[in-house]
Amino acid sequence: MPKALIVDDSPAELANLRNILSEAGWQTSTASNGNEAVAKARSEKPNLILCDIIMPDMDGFEACRQLQADPQTKSIPVVFVSSKNQKADQLWAKMQGAKALIGKPYEAAQIIETLKAFG
């Protein structure tokens, strides 16, 4: 069973994404900031990371840069799920090493398509 790490500082968002992934047959774990995400990615080695951008302590961009710089985690695809969804944000996300950016609010189908593409 594939495993995803969901990173968001909103408990409601974590619960929503966890429900979508569970229904799609994925195991999930969660983190509420970038520091926790980097630590969990190293220890759990998920198949995919869905990550918010705007979070306390360490934002998603910095977490993505750290994951990409680490030989243990650089092969894990990171997909941002964020309200920051302008063209510049999409470009910057790719420059940080992310595979995609899904804008909030999103449809469950967008998340499912991402799971199929990168999972």
PDB file of N, CA and C in Angstrom:
ATOM      1  N   MET A   1       0.853  -1.191   0.000  1.00  0.00           N
ATOM      2  CA  MET A   1       0.000   0.000   0.000  1.00  0.00           C
ATOM      3  C   MET A   1       0.889   1.242   0.000  1.00  0.00           C
ATOM      4  N   PRO A   2       0.678   2.141  -0.945  1.00  0.00           N
ATOM      5  CA  PRO A   2       1.503   3.356  -0.986  1.00  0.00           C
ATOM      6  C   PRO A   2       1.244   4.250   0.229  1.00  0.00           C
ATOM      7  N   LYS A   3       2.248   5.037   0.584  1.00  0.00           N
ATOM      8  CA  LYS A   3       2.173   5.878   1.765  1.00  0.00           C
ATOM      9  C   LYS A   3       2.448   7.325   1.393  1.00  0.00           C
ATOM     10  N   ALA A   4       1.643   8.232   1.946  1.00  0.00           N
ATOM     11  CA  ALA A   4       1.834   9.661   1.706  1.00  0.00           C
ATOM     12  C   ALA A   4       2.003  10.390   3.030  1.00  0.00           C
ATOM     13  N   LEU A   5       2.849  11.405   2.996  1.00  0.00           N
ATOM     14  CA  LEU A   5       3.000  12.321   4.116  1.00  0.00           C
ATOM     15  C   LEU A   5       2.243  13.593   3.755  1.00  0.00           C
ATOM     16  N   ILE A   6       1.293  13.980   4.607  1.00  0.00           N
ATOM     17  CA  ILE A   6       0.485  15.175   4.377  1.00  0.00           C
ATOM     18  C   ILE A   6       0.968  16.248   5.354  1.00  0.00           C
ATOM     19  N   VAL A   7       1.324  17.416   4.821  1.00  0.00           N
ATOM     20  CA  VAL A   7       1.898  18.477   5.648  1.00  0.00           C
ATOM     21  C   VAL A   7       1.045  19.732   5.519  1.00  0.00           C
ATOM     22  N   ASP A   8       0.438  20.147   6.628  1.00  0.00           N
ATOM     23  CA  ASP A   8      -0.377  21.361   6.637  1.00  0.00           C
ATOM     24  C   ASP A   8      -0.549  21.792   8.087  1.00  0.00           C
ATOM     25  N   ASP A   9      -0.603  23.102   8.327  1.00  0.00           N
ATOM     26  CA  ASP A   9      -0.798  23.573   9.698  1.00  0.00           C
ATOM     27  C   ASP A   9      -2.272  23.642  10.077  1.00  0.00           C
ATOM     28  N   SER A  10      -3.178  23.321   9.158  1.00  0.00           N
ATOM     29  CA  SER A  10      -4.614  23.334   9.428  1.00  0.00           C
ATOM     30  C   SER A  10      -5.111  21.913   9.715  1.00  0.00           C
ATOM     31  N   PRO A  11      -5.603  21.650  10.940  1.00  0.00           N
ATOM     32  CA  PRO A  11      -6.131  20.317  11.249  1.00  0.00           C
ATOM     33  C   PRO A  11      -7.277  19.907  10.309  1.00  0.00           C
ATOM     34  N   ALA A  12      -8.110  20.867   9.913  1.00  0.00           N
ATOM     35  CA  ALA A  12      -9.215  20.558   8.995  1.00  0.00           C
ATOM     36  C   ALA A  12      -8.680  20.118   7.631  1.00  0.00           C
ATOM     37  N   GLU A  13      -7.655  20.792   7.146  1.00  0.00           N
ATOM     38  CA  GLU A  13      -7.054  20.444   5.849  1.00  0.00           C
ATOM     39  C   GLU A  13      -6.393  19.068   5.916  1.00  0.00           C
ATOM     40  N   LEU A  14      -5.691  18.802   7.024  1.00  0.00           N
ATOM     41  CA  LEU A  14      -5.078  17.481   7.208  1.00  0.00           C
ATOM     42  C   LEU A  14      -6.140  16.387   7.169  1.00  0.00           C
ATOM     43  N   ALA A  15      -7.247  16.611   7.872  1.00  0.00           N
ATOM     44  CA  ALA A  15      -8.316  15.608   7.921  1.00  0.00           C
ATOM     45  C   ALA A  15      -8.938  15.399   6.550  1.00  0.00           C
ATOM     46  N   ASN A  16      -9.157  16.483   5.819  1.00  0.00           N
ATOM     47  CA  ASN A  16      -9.758  16.395   4.486  1.00  0.00           C
ATOM     48  C   ASN A  16      -8.856  15.599   3.532  1.00  0.00           C
ATOM     49  N   LEU A  17      -7.585  15.958   3.487  1.00  0.00           N
ATOM     50  CA  LEU A  17      -6.655  15.250   2.599  1.00  0.00           C
ATOM     51  C   LEU A  17      -6.479  13.793   3.026  1.00  0.00           C
ATOM     52  N   ARG A  18      -6.446  13.559   4.318  1.00  0.00           N
ATOM     53  CA  ARG A  18      -6.303  12.187   4.814  1.00  0.00           C
ATOM     54  C   ARG A  18      -7.499  11.334   4.366  1.00  0.00           C
ATOM     55  N   ASN A  19      -8.706  11.902   4.415  1.00  0.00           N
ATOM     56  CA  ASN A  19      -9.905  11.173   3.965  1.00  0.00           C
ATOM     57  C   ASN A  19      -9.815  10.834   2.482  1.00  0.00           C
ATOM     58  N   ILE A  20      -9.406  11.807   1.668  1.00  0.00           N
ATOM     59  CA  ILE A  20      -9.296  11.587   0.220  1.00  0.00           C
ATOM     60  C   ILE A  20      -8.285  10.474  -0.064  1.00  0.00           C
ATOM     61  N   LEU A  21      -7.131  10.531   0.579  1.00  0.00           N
ATOM     62  CA  LEU A  21      -6.091   9.530   0.335  1.00  0.00           C
ATOM     63  C   LEU A  21      -6.486   8.156   0.855  1.00  0.00           C
ATOM     64  N   SER A  22      -7.113   8.106   2.028  1.00  0.00           N
ATOM     65  CA  SER A  22      -7.535   6.817   2.591  1.00  0.00           C
ATOM     66  C   SER A  22      -8.538   6.129   1.675  1.00  0.00           C
ATOM     67  N   GLU A  23      -9.485   6.904   1.146  1.00  0.00           N
ATOM     68  CA  GLU A  23     -10.477   6.342   0.226  1.00  0.00           C
ATOM     69  C   GLU A  23      -9.822   5.839  -1.058  1.00  0.00           C
ATOM     70  N   ALA A  24      -8.671   6.415  -1.423  1.00  0.00           N
ATOM     71  CA  ALA A  24      -7.949   5.999  -2.625  1.00  0.00           C
ATOM     72  C   ALA A  24      -6.994   4.834  -2.336  1.00  0.00           C
ATOM     73  N   GLY A  25      -7.002   4.336  -1.084  1.00  0.00           N
ATOM     74  CA  GLY A  25      -6.182   3.181  -0.751  1.00  0.00           C
ATOM     75  C   GLY A  25      -4.765   3.499  -0.307  1.00  0.00           C
ATOM     76  N   TRP A  26      -4.545   4.716   0.168  1.00  0.00           N
ATOM     77  CA  TRP A  26      -3.210   5.117   0.619  1.00  0.00           C
ATOM     78  C   TRP A  26      -3.145   5.124   2.135  1.00  0.00           C
ATOM     79  N   GLN A  27      -1.979   4.781   2.671  1.00  0.00           N
ATOM     80  CA  GLN A  27      -1.679   4.997   4.080  1.00  0.00           C
ATOM     81  C   GLN A  27      -1.233   6.445   4.197  1.00  0.00           C
ATOM     82  N   THR A  28      -1.521   7.068   5.333  1.00  0.00           N
ATOM     83  CA  THR A  28      -1.112   8.466   5.493  1.00  0.00           C
ATOM     84  C   THR A  28      -0.465   8.695   6.853  1.00  0.00           C
ATOM     85  N   SER A  29       0.418   9.667   6.876  1.00  0.00           N
ATOM     86  CA  SER A  29       0.898  10.226   8.129  1.00  0.00           C
ATOM     87  C   SER A  29       0.868  11.732   7.932  1.00  0.00           C
ATOM     88  N   THR A  30       0.928  12.470   9.023  1.00  0.00           N
ATOM     89  CA  THR A  30       0.784  13.920   8.915  1.00  0.00           C
ATOM     90  C   THR A  30       1.884  14.648   9.667  1.00  0.00           C
ATOM     91  N   ALA A  31       2.096  15.893   9.232  1.00  0.00           N
ATOM     92  CA  ALA A  31       3.013  16.817   9.902  1.00  0.00           C
ATOM     93  C   ALA A  31       2.370  18.198   9.836  1.00  0.00           C
ATOM     94  N   SER A  32       2.662  19.037  10.822  1.00  0.00           N
ATOM     95  CA  SER A  32       2.011  20.347  10.848  1.00  0.00           C
ATOM     96  C   SER A  32       2.936  21.511  10.520  1.00  0.00           C
ATOM     97  N   ASN A  33       4.215  21.210  10.205  1.00  0.00           N
ATOM     98  CA  ASN A  33       5.131  22.265   9.755  1.00  0.00           C
ATOM     99  C   ASN A  33       6.290  21.621   9.002  1.00  0.00           C
ATOM    100  N   GLY A  34       7.126  22.456   8.416  1.00  0.00           N
ATOM    101  CA  GLY A  34       8.215  21.968   7.590  1.00  0.00           C
ATOM    102  C   GLY A  34       9.259  21.161   8.344  1.00  0.00           C
ATOM    103  N   ASN A  35       9.583  21.591   9.574  1.00  0.00           N
ATOM    104  CA  ASN A  35      10.572  20.848  10.369  1.00  0.00           C
ATOM    105  C   ASN A  35      10.114  19.418  10.608  1.00  0.00           C
ATOM    106  N   GLU A  36       8.854  19.289  11.017  1.00  0.00           N
ATOM    107  CA  GLU A  36       8.288  17.967  11.284  1.00  0.00           C
ATOM    108  C   GLU A  36       8.228  17.144   9.986  1.00  0.00           C
ATOM    109  N   ALA A  37       7.904  17.813   8.877  1.00  0.00           N
ATOM    110  CA  ALA A  37       7.815  17.122   7.580  1.00  0.00           C
ATOM    111  C   ALA A  37       9.155  16.533   7.162  1.00  0.00           C
ATOM    112  N   VAL A  38      10.224  17.306   7.308  1.00  0.00           N
ATOM    113  CA  VAL A  38      11.553  16.832   6.917  1.00  0.00           C
ATOM    114  C   VAL A  38      11.948  15.632   7.784  1.00  0.00           C
ATOM    115  N   ALA A  39      11.709  15.721   9.087  1.00  0.00           N
ATOM    116  CA  ALA A  39      12.050  14.618   9.992  1.00  0.00           C
ATOM    117  C   ALA A  39      11.253  13.362   9.655  1.00  0.00           C
ATOM    118  N   LYS A  40       9.940  13.524   9.425  1.00  0.00           N
ATOM    119  CA  LYS A  40       9.107  12.354   9.123  1.00  0.00           C
ATOM    120  C   LYS A  40       9.448  11.760   7.757  1.00  0.00           C
ATOM    121  N   ALA A  41       9.773  12.597   6.789  1.00  0.00           N
ATOM    122  CA  ALA A  41      10.145  12.087   5.463  1.00  0.00           C
ATOM    123  C   ALA A  41      11.400  11.226   5.575  1.00  0.00           C
ATOM    124  N   ARG A  42      12.349  11.645   6.390  1.00  0.00           N
ATOM    125  CA  ARG A  42      13.584  10.878   6.574  1.00  0.00           C
ATOM    126  C   ARG A  42      13.319   9.540   7.259  1.00  0.00           C
ATOM    127  N   SER A  43      12.436   9.545   8.261  1.00  0.00           N
ATOM    128  CA  SER A  43      12.214   8.313   9.023  1.00  0.00           C
ATOM    129  C   SER A  43      11.206   7.374   8.357  1.00  0.00           C
ATOM    130  N   GLU A  44      10.199   7.934   7.670  1.00  0.00           N
ATOM    131  CA  GLU A  44       9.122   7.102   7.134  1.00  0.00           C
ATOM    132  C   GLU A  44       9.259   6.773   5.652  1.00  0.00           C
ATOM    133  N   LYS A  45      10.043   7.531   4.921  1.00  0.00           N
ATOM    134  CA  LYS A  45      10.239   7.310   3.477  1.00  0.00           C
ATOM    135  C   LYS A  45       8.912   7.121   2.716  1.00  0.00           C
ATOM    136  N   PRO A  46       8.040   8.140   2.729  1.00  0.00           N
ATOM    137  CA  PRO A  46       6.759   8.001   2.021  1.00  0.00           C
ATOM    138  C   PRO A  46       6.960   7.962   0.495  1.00  0.00           C
ATOM    139  N   ASN A  47       5.932   7.503  -0.222  1.00  0.00           N
ATOM    140  CA  ASN A  47       5.970   7.475  -1.685  1.00  0.00           C
ATOM    141  C   ASN A  47       5.724   8.862  -2.270  1.00  0.00           C
ATOM    142  N   LEU A  48       5.057   9.733  -1.490  1.00  0.00           N
ATOM    143  CA  LEU A  48       4.641  11.056  -1.964  1.00  0.00           C
ATOM    144  C   LEU A  48       4.465  11.977  -0.765  1.00  0.00           C
ATOM    145  N   ILE A  49       4.766  13.261  -0.964  1.00  0.00           N
ATOM    146  CA  ILE A  49       4.522  14.266   0.078  1.00  0.00           C
ATOM    147  C   ILE A  49       3.594  15.330  -0.497  1.00  0.00           C
ATOM    148  N   LEU A  50       2.462  15.550   0.170  1.00  0.00           N
ATOM    149  CA  LEU A  50       1.552  16.652  -0.167  1.00  0.00           C
ATOM    150  C   LEU A  50       1.803  17.728   0.882  1.00  0.00           C
ATOM    151  N   CYS A  51       2.223  18.912   0.441  1.00  0.00           N
ATOM    152  CA  CYS A  51       2.725  19.910   1.383  1.00  0.00           C
ATOM    153  C   CYS A  51       2.129  21.293   1.140  1.00  0.00           C
ATOM    154  N   ASP A  52       1.651  21.910   2.207  1.00  0.00           N
ATOM    155  CA  ASP A  52       1.222  23.303   2.162  1.00  0.00           C
ATOM    156  C   ASP A  52       2.473  24.178   2.037  1.00  0.00           C
ATOM    157  N   ILE A  53       2.297  25.415   1.647  1.00  0.00           N
ATOM    158  CA  ILE A  53       3.438  26.329   1.542  1.00  0.00           C
ATOM    159  C   ILE A  53       3.531  27.231   2.766  1.00  0.00           C
ATOM    160  N   ILE A  54       2.422  27.873   3.129  1.00  0.00           N
ATOM    161  CA  ILE A  54       2.438  28.851   4.212  1.00  0.00           C
ATOM    162  C   ILE A  54       2.185  28.135   5.541  1.00  0.00           C
ATOM    163  N   MET A  55       3.279  27.965   6.323  1.00  0.00           N
ATOM    164  CA  MET A  55       3.191  27.294   7.621  1.00  0.00           C
ATOM    165  C   MET A  55       4.156  27.964   8.586  1.00  0.00           C
ATOM    166  N   PRO A  56       3.919  27.807   9.905  1.00  0.00           N
ATOM    167  CA  PRO A  56       4.848  28.376  10.895  1.00  0.00           C
ATOM    168  C   PRO A  56       6.149  27.580  10.950  1.00  0.00           C
ATOM    169  N   ASP A  57       7.149  28.163  11.574  1.00  0.00           N
ATOM    170  CA  ASP A  57       8.474  27.554  11.791  1.00  0.00           C
ATOM    171  C   ASP A  57       9.265  27.413  10.495  1.00  0.00           C
ATOM    172  N   MET A  58       8.841  26.522   9.605  1.00  0.00           N
ATOM    173  CA  MET A  58       9.513  26.359   8.310  1.00  0.00           C
ATOM    174  C   MET A  58       8.433  26.213   7.247  1.00  0.00           C
ATOM    175  N   ASP A  59       8.480  27.075   6.219  1.00  0.00           N
ATOM    176  CA  ASP A  59       7.446  26.992   5.190  1.00  0.00           C
ATOM    177  C   ASP A  59       7.715  25.822   4.236  1.00  0.00           C
ATOM    178  N   GLY A  60       6.741  25.554   3.380  1.00  0.00           N
ATOM    179  CA  GLY A  60       6.838  24.431   2.457  1.00  0.00           C
ATOM    180  C   GLY A  60       7.985  24.555   1.472  1.00  0.00           C
ATOM    181  N   PHE A  61       8.275  25.776   1.019  1.00  0.00           N
ATOM    182  CA  PHE A  61       9.381  25.959   0.076  1.00  0.00           C
ATOM    183  C   PHE A  61      10.707  25.520   0.701  1.00  0.00           C
ATOM    184  N   GLU A  62      10.963  25.953   1.943  1.00  0.00           N
ATOM    185  CA  GLU A  62      12.208  25.586   2.624  1.00  0.00           C
ATOM    186  C   GLU A  62      12.252  24.083   2.892  1.00  0.00           C
ATOM    187  N   ALA A  63      11.120  23.507   3.308  1.00  0.00           N
ATOM    188  CA  ALA A  63      11.069  22.059   3.540  1.00  0.00           C
ATOM    189  C   ALA A  63      11.395  21.311   2.252  1.00  0.00           C
ATOM    190  N   CYS A  64      10.837  21.760   1.141  1.00  0.00           N
ATOM    191  CA  CYS A  64      11.090  21.116  -0.153  1.00  0.00           C
ATOM    192  C   CYS A  64      12.572  21.214  -0.520  1.00  0.00           C
ATOM    193  N   ARG A  65      13.169  22.378  -0.307  1.00  0.00           N
ATOM    194  CA  ARG A  65      14.600  22.539  -0.598  1.00  0.00           C
ATOM    195  C   ARG A  65      15.440  21.576   0.238  1.00  0.00           C
ATOM    196  N   GLN A  66      15.106  21.448   1.524  1.00  0.00           N
ATOM    197  CA  GLN A  66      15.867  20.539   2.392  1.00  0.00           C
ATOM    198  C   GLN A  66      15.685  19.085   1.959  1.00  0.00           C
ATOM    199  N   LEU A  67      14.458  18.710   1.600  1.00  0.00           N
ATOM    200  CA  LEU A  67      14.200  17.339   1.149  1.00  0.00           C
ATOM    201  C   LEU A  67      14.950  17.043  -0.145  1.00  0.00           C
ATOM    202  N   GLN A  68      14.999  18.007  -1.052  1.00  0.00           N
ATOM    203  CA  GLN A  68      15.695  17.812  -2.322  1.00  0.00           C
ATOM    204  C   GLN A  68      17.209  17.744  -2.143  1.00  0.00           C
ATOM    205  N   ALA A  69      17.732  18.392  -1.112  1.00  0.00           N
ATOM    206  CA  ALA A  69      19.174  18.416  -0.882  1.00  0.00           C
ATOM    207  C   ALA A  69      19.667  17.163  -0.145  1.00  0.00           C
ATOM    208  N   ASP A  70      18.741  16.383   0.411  1.00  0.00           N
ATOM    209  CA  ASP A  70      19.106  15.216   1.209  1.00  0.00           C
ATOM    210  C   ASP A  70      19.045  13.948   0.352  1.00  0.00           C
ATOM    211  N   PRO A  71      20.157  13.224   0.222  1.00  0.00           N
ATOM    212  CA  PRO A  71      20.157  12.000  -0.597  1.00  0.00           C
ATOM    213  C   PRO A  71      19.107  10.977  -0.159  1.00  0.00           C
ATOM    214  N   GLN A  72      18.739  10.992   1.144  1.00  0.00           N
ATOM    215  CA  GLN A  72      17.730  10.046   1.643  1.00  0.00           C
ATOM    216  C   GLN A  72      16.321  10.368   1.162  1.00  0.00           C
ATOM    217  N   THR A  73      16.055  11.645   0.874  1.00  0.00           N
ATOM    218  CA  THR A  73      14.671  12.048   0.578  1.00  0.00           C
ATOM    219  C   THR A  73      14.487  12.689  -0.796  1.00  0.00           C
ATOM    220  N   LYS A  74      15.572  12.917  -1.533  1.00  0.00           N
ATOM    221  CA  LYS A  74      15.438  13.688  -2.778  1.00  0.00           C
ATOM    222  C   LYS A  74      14.609  12.979  -3.856  1.00  0.00           C
ATOM    223  N   SER A  75      14.449  11.667  -3.755  1.00  0.00           N
ATOM    224  CA  SER A  75      13.659  10.952  -4.764  1.00  0.00           C
ATOM    225  C   SER A  75      12.166  10.931  -4.442  1.00  0.00           C
ATOM    226  N   ILE A  76      11.764  11.454  -3.275  1.00  0.00           N
ATOM    227  CA  ILE A  76      10.338  11.481  -2.907  1.00  0.00           C
ATOM    228  C   ILE A  76       9.672  12.682  -3.582  1.00  0.00           C
ATOM    229  N   PRO A  77       8.643  12.446  -4.424  1.00  0.00           N
ATOM    230  CA  PRO A  77       7.982  13.588  -5.067  1.00  0.00           C
ATOM    231  C   PRO A  77       7.243  14.459  -4.046  1.00  0.00           C
ATOM    232  N   VAL A  78       7.425  15.766  -4.184  1.00  0.00           N
ATOM    233  CA  VAL A  78       6.710  16.739  -3.344  1.00  0.00           C
ATOM    234  C   VAL A  78       5.714  17.473  -4.233  1.00  0.00           C
ATOM    235  N   VAL A  79       4.453  17.493  -3.803  1.00  0.00           N
ATOM    236  CA  VAL A  79       3.405  18.238  -4.500  1.00  0.00           C
ATOM    237  C   VAL A  79       2.847  19.238  -3.501  1.00  0.00           C
ATOM    238  N   PHE A  80       2.918  20.526  -3.853  1.00  0.00           N
ATOM    239  CA  PHE A  80       2.354  21.548  -2.979  1.00  0.00           C
ATOM    240  C   PHE A  80       0.842  21.599  -3.148  1.00  0.00           C
ATOM    241  N   VAL A  81       0.149  21.779  -2.023  1.00  0.00           N
ATOM    242  CA  VAL A  81      -1.295  22.002  -2.012  1.00  0.00           C
ATOM    243  C   VAL A  81      -1.467  23.305  -1.240  1.00  0.00           C
ATOM    244  N   SER A  82      -1.744  24.399  -1.966  1.00  0.00           N
ATOM    245  CA  SER A  82      -1.677  25.715  -1.318  1.00  0.00           C
ATOM    246  C   SER A  82      -2.621  26.720  -1.947  1.00  0.00           C
ATOM    247  N   SER A  83      -2.949  27.741  -1.164  1.00  0.00           N
ATOM    248  CA  SER A  83      -3.720  28.872  -1.696  1.00  0.00           C
ATOM    249  C   SER A  83      -2.822  29.781  -2.531  1.00  0.00           C
ATOM    250  N   LYS A  84      -1.496  29.622  -2.404  1.00  0.00           N
ATOM    251  CA  LYS A  84      -0.548  30.371  -3.249  1.00  0.00           C
ATOM    252  C   LYS A  84      -0.503  29.671  -4.606  1.00  0.00           C
ATOM    253  N   ASN A  85      -1.305  30.163  -5.531  1.00  0.00           N
ATOM    254  CA  ASN A  85      -1.472  29.422  -6.782  1.00  0.00           C
ATOM    255  C   ASN A  85      -1.368  30.319  -8.011  1.00  0.00           C
ATOM    256  N   GLN A  86      -0.600  31.393  -7.915  1.00  0.00           N
ATOM    257  CA  GLN A  86      -0.383  32.249  -9.082  1.00  0.00           C
ATOM    258  C   GLN A  86       0.694  31.621  -9.961  1.00  0.00           C
ATOM    259  N   LYS A  87       0.838  32.123 -11.182  1.00  0.00           N
ATOM    260  CA  LYS A  87       1.859  31.597 -12.102  1.00  0.00           C
ATOM    261  C   LYS A  87       3.251  31.650 -11.462  1.00  0.00           C
ATOM    262  N   ALA A  88       3.560  32.758 -10.795  1.00  0.00           N
ATOM    263  CA  ALA A  88       4.872  32.901 -10.158  1.00  0.00           C
ATOM    264  C   ALA A  88       5.068  31.845  -9.067  1.00  0.00           C
ATOM    265  N   ASP A  89       3.990  31.545  -8.322  1.00  0.00           N
ATOM    266  CA  ASP A  89       4.085  30.519  -7.278  1.00  0.00           C
ATOM    267  C   ASP A  89       4.348  29.153  -7.892  1.00  0.00           C
ATOM    268  N   GLN A  90       3.669  28.864  -9.007  1.00  0.00           N
ATOM    269  CA  GLN A  90       3.855  27.574  -9.683  1.00  0.00           C
ATOM    270  C   GLN A  90       5.309  27.442 -10.153  1.00  0.00           C
ATOM    271  N   LEU A  91       5.820  28.508 -10.745  1.00  0.00           N
ATOM    272  CA  LEU A  91       7.195  28.497 -11.235  1.00  0.00           C
ATOM    273  C   LEU A  91       8.187  28.335 -10.071  1.00  0.00           C
ATOM    274  N   TRP A  92       7.981  29.093  -9.003  1.00  0.00           N
ATOM    275  CA  TRP A  92       8.860  29.022  -7.844  1.00  0.00           C
ATOM    276  C   TRP A  92       8.805  27.628  -7.222  1.00  0.00           C
ATOM    277  N   ALA A  93       7.621  27.038  -7.148  1.00  0.00           N
ATOM    278  CA  ALA A  93       7.467  25.688  -6.594  1.00  0.00           C
ATOM    279  C   ALA A  93       8.324  24.696  -7.371  1.00  0.00           C
ATOM    280  N   LYS A  94       8.286  24.784  -8.689  1.00  0.00           N
ATOM    281  CA  LYS A  94       9.089  23.880  -9.521  1.00  0.00           C
ATOM    282  C   LYS A  94      10.586  24.131  -9.303  1.00  0.00           C
ATOM    283  N   MET A  95      10.957  25.410  -9.143  1.00  0.00           N
ATOM    284  CA  MET A  95      12.366  25.748  -8.916  1.00  0.00           C
ATOM    285  C   MET A  95      12.868  25.195  -7.572  1.00  0.00           C
ATOM    286  N   GLN A  96      11.964  24.998  -6.609  1.00  0.00           N
ATOM    287  CA  GLN A  96      12.345  24.442  -5.304  1.00  0.00           C
ATOM    288  C   GLN A  96      12.421  22.910  -5.354  1.00  0.00           C
ATOM    289  N   GLY A  97      11.977  22.336  -6.470  1.00  0.00           N
ATOM    290  CA  GLY A  97      12.040  20.885  -6.619  1.00  0.00           C
ATOM    291  C   GLY A  97      10.706  20.177  -6.573  1.00  0.00           C
ATOM    292  N   ALA A  98       9.617  20.925  -6.428  1.00  0.00           N
ATOM    293  CA  ALA A  98       8.295  20.291  -6.381  1.00  0.00           C
ATOM    294  C   ALA A  98       7.891  19.775  -7.760  1.00  0.00           C
ATOM    295  N   LYS A  99       7.083  18.731  -7.762  1.00  0.00           N
ATOM    296  CA  LYS A  99       6.608  18.141  -9.018  1.00  0.00           C
ATOM    297  C   LYS A  99       5.363  18.864  -9.537  1.00  0.00           C
ATOM    298  N   ALA A 100       4.600  19.472  -8.638  1.00  0.00           N
ATOM    299  CA  ALA A 100       3.362  20.150  -9.045  1.00  0.00           C
ATOM    300  C   ALA A 100       2.881  21.042  -7.906  1.00  0.00           C
ATOM    301  N   LEU A 101       1.891  21.897  -8.227  1.00  0.00           N
ATOM    302  CA  LEU A 101       1.226  22.725  -7.232  1.00  0.00           C
ATOM    303  C   LEU A 101      -0.262  22.648  -7.503  1.00  0.00           C
ATOM    304  N   ILE A 102      -1.022  22.206  -6.524  1.00  0.00           N
ATOM    305  CA  ILE A 102      -2.483  22.152  -6.617  1.00  0.00           C
ATOM    306  C   ILE A 102      -3.025  23.309  -5.800  1.00  0.00           C
ATOM    307  N   GLY A 103      -3.856  24.133  -6.410  1.00  0.00           N
ATOM    308  CA  GLY A 103      -4.393  25.295  -5.708  1.00  0.00           C
ATOM    309  C   GLY A 103      -5.560  24.951  -4.808  1.00  0.00           C
ATOM    310  N   LYS A 104      -5.641  25.634  -3.675  1.00  0.00           N
ATOM    311  CA  LYS A 104      -6.802  25.539  -2.789  1.00  0.00           C
ATOM    312  C   LYS A 104      -7.777  26.627  -3.198  1.00  0.00           C
ATOM    313  N   PRO A 105      -9.058  26.405  -3.187  1.00  0.00           N
ATOM    314  CA  PRO A 105      -9.690  25.119  -2.904  1.00  0.00           C
ATOM    315  C   PRO A 105      -9.521  24.159  -4.083  1.00  0.00           C
ATOM    316  N   TYR A 106      -9.441  22.892  -3.786  1.00  0.00           N
ATOM    317  CA  TYR A 106      -9.228  21.871  -4.807  1.00  0.00           C
ATOM    318  C   TYR A 106     -10.395  20.888  -4.800  1.00  0.00           C
ATOM    319  N   GLU A 107     -10.477  20.111  -5.843  1.00  0.00           N
ATOM    320  CA  GLU A 107     -11.452  19.029  -5.916  1.00  0.00           C
ATOM    321  C   GLU A 107     -10.738  17.738  -5.544  1.00  0.00           C
ATOM    322  N   ALA A 108     -11.445  16.800  -4.949  1.00  0.00           N
ATOM    323  CA  ALA A 108     -10.851  15.500  -4.606  1.00  0.00           C
ATOM    324  C   ALA A 108     -10.247  14.855  -5.854  1.00  0.00           C
ATOM    325  N   ALA A 109     -10.889  15.041  -7.008  1.00  0.00           N
ATOM    326  CA  ALA A 109     -10.390  14.444  -8.251  1.00  0.00           C
ATOM    327  C   ALA A 109      -8.983  14.939  -8.593  1.00  0.00           C
ATOM    328  N   GLN A 110      -8.669  16.205  -8.268  1.00  0.00           N
ATOM    329  CA  GLN A 110      -7.324  16.720  -8.534  1.00  0.00           C
ATOM    330  C   GLN A 110      -6.286  15.989  -7.685  1.00  0.00           C
ATOM    331  N   ILE A 111      -6.636  15.712  -6.454  1.00  0.00           N
ATOM    332  CA  ILE A 111      -5.725  14.992  -5.559  1.00  0.00           C
ATOM    333  C   ILE A 111      -5.541  13.556  -6.069  1.00  0.00           C
ATOM    334  N   ILE A 112      -6.635  12.911  -6.461  1.00  0.00           N
ATOM    335  CA  ILE A 112      -6.584  11.529  -6.965  1.00  0.00           C
ATOM    336  C   ILE A 112      -5.708  11.458  -8.224  1.00  0.00           C
ATOM    337  N   GLU A 113      -5.861  12.414  -9.124  1.00  0.00           N
ATOM    338  CA  GLU A 113      -5.031  12.435 -10.340  1.00  0.00           C
ATOM    339  C   GLU A 113      -3.554  12.556  -9.986  1.00  0.00           C
ATOM    340  N   THR A 114      -3.250  13.364  -8.982  1.00  0.00           N
ATOM    341  CA  THR A 114      -1.869  13.522  -8.531  1.00  0.00           C
ATOM    342  C   THR A 114      -1.333  12.216  -7.959  1.00  0.00           C
ATOM    343  N   LEU A 115      -2.163  11.517  -7.209  1.00  0.00           N
ATOM    344  CA  LEU A 115      -1.746  10.218  -6.652  1.00  0.00           C
ATOM    345  C   LEU A 115      -1.405   9.258  -7.770  1.00  0.00           C
ATOM    346  N   LYS A 116      -2.214   9.257  -8.815  1.00  0.00           N
ATOM    347  CA  LYS A 116      -1.964   8.369  -9.958  1.00  0.00           C
ATOM    348  C   LYS A 116      -0.682   8.762 -10.696  1.00  0.00           C
ATOM    349  N   ALA A 117      -0.446  10.059 -10.814  1.00  0.00           N
ATOM    350  CA  ALA A 117       0.706  10.546 -11.580  1.00  0.00           C
ATOM    351  C   ALA A 117       2.027  10.313 -10.845  1.00  0.00           C
ATOM    352  N   PHE A 118       2.027  10.495  -9.533  1.00  0.00           N
ATOM    353  CA  PHE A 118       3.297  10.481  -8.800  1.00  0.00           C
ATOM    354  C   PHE A 118       3.409   9.349  -7.775  1.00  0.00           C
ATOM    355  N   GLY A 119       2.335   8.619  -7.548  1.00  0.00           N
ATOM    356  CA  GLY A 119       2.343   7.625  -6.470  1.00  0.00           C
ATOM    357  C   GLY A 119       2.888   6.287  -6.855  1.00  0.00           C
TER     358      GLY A 119
END
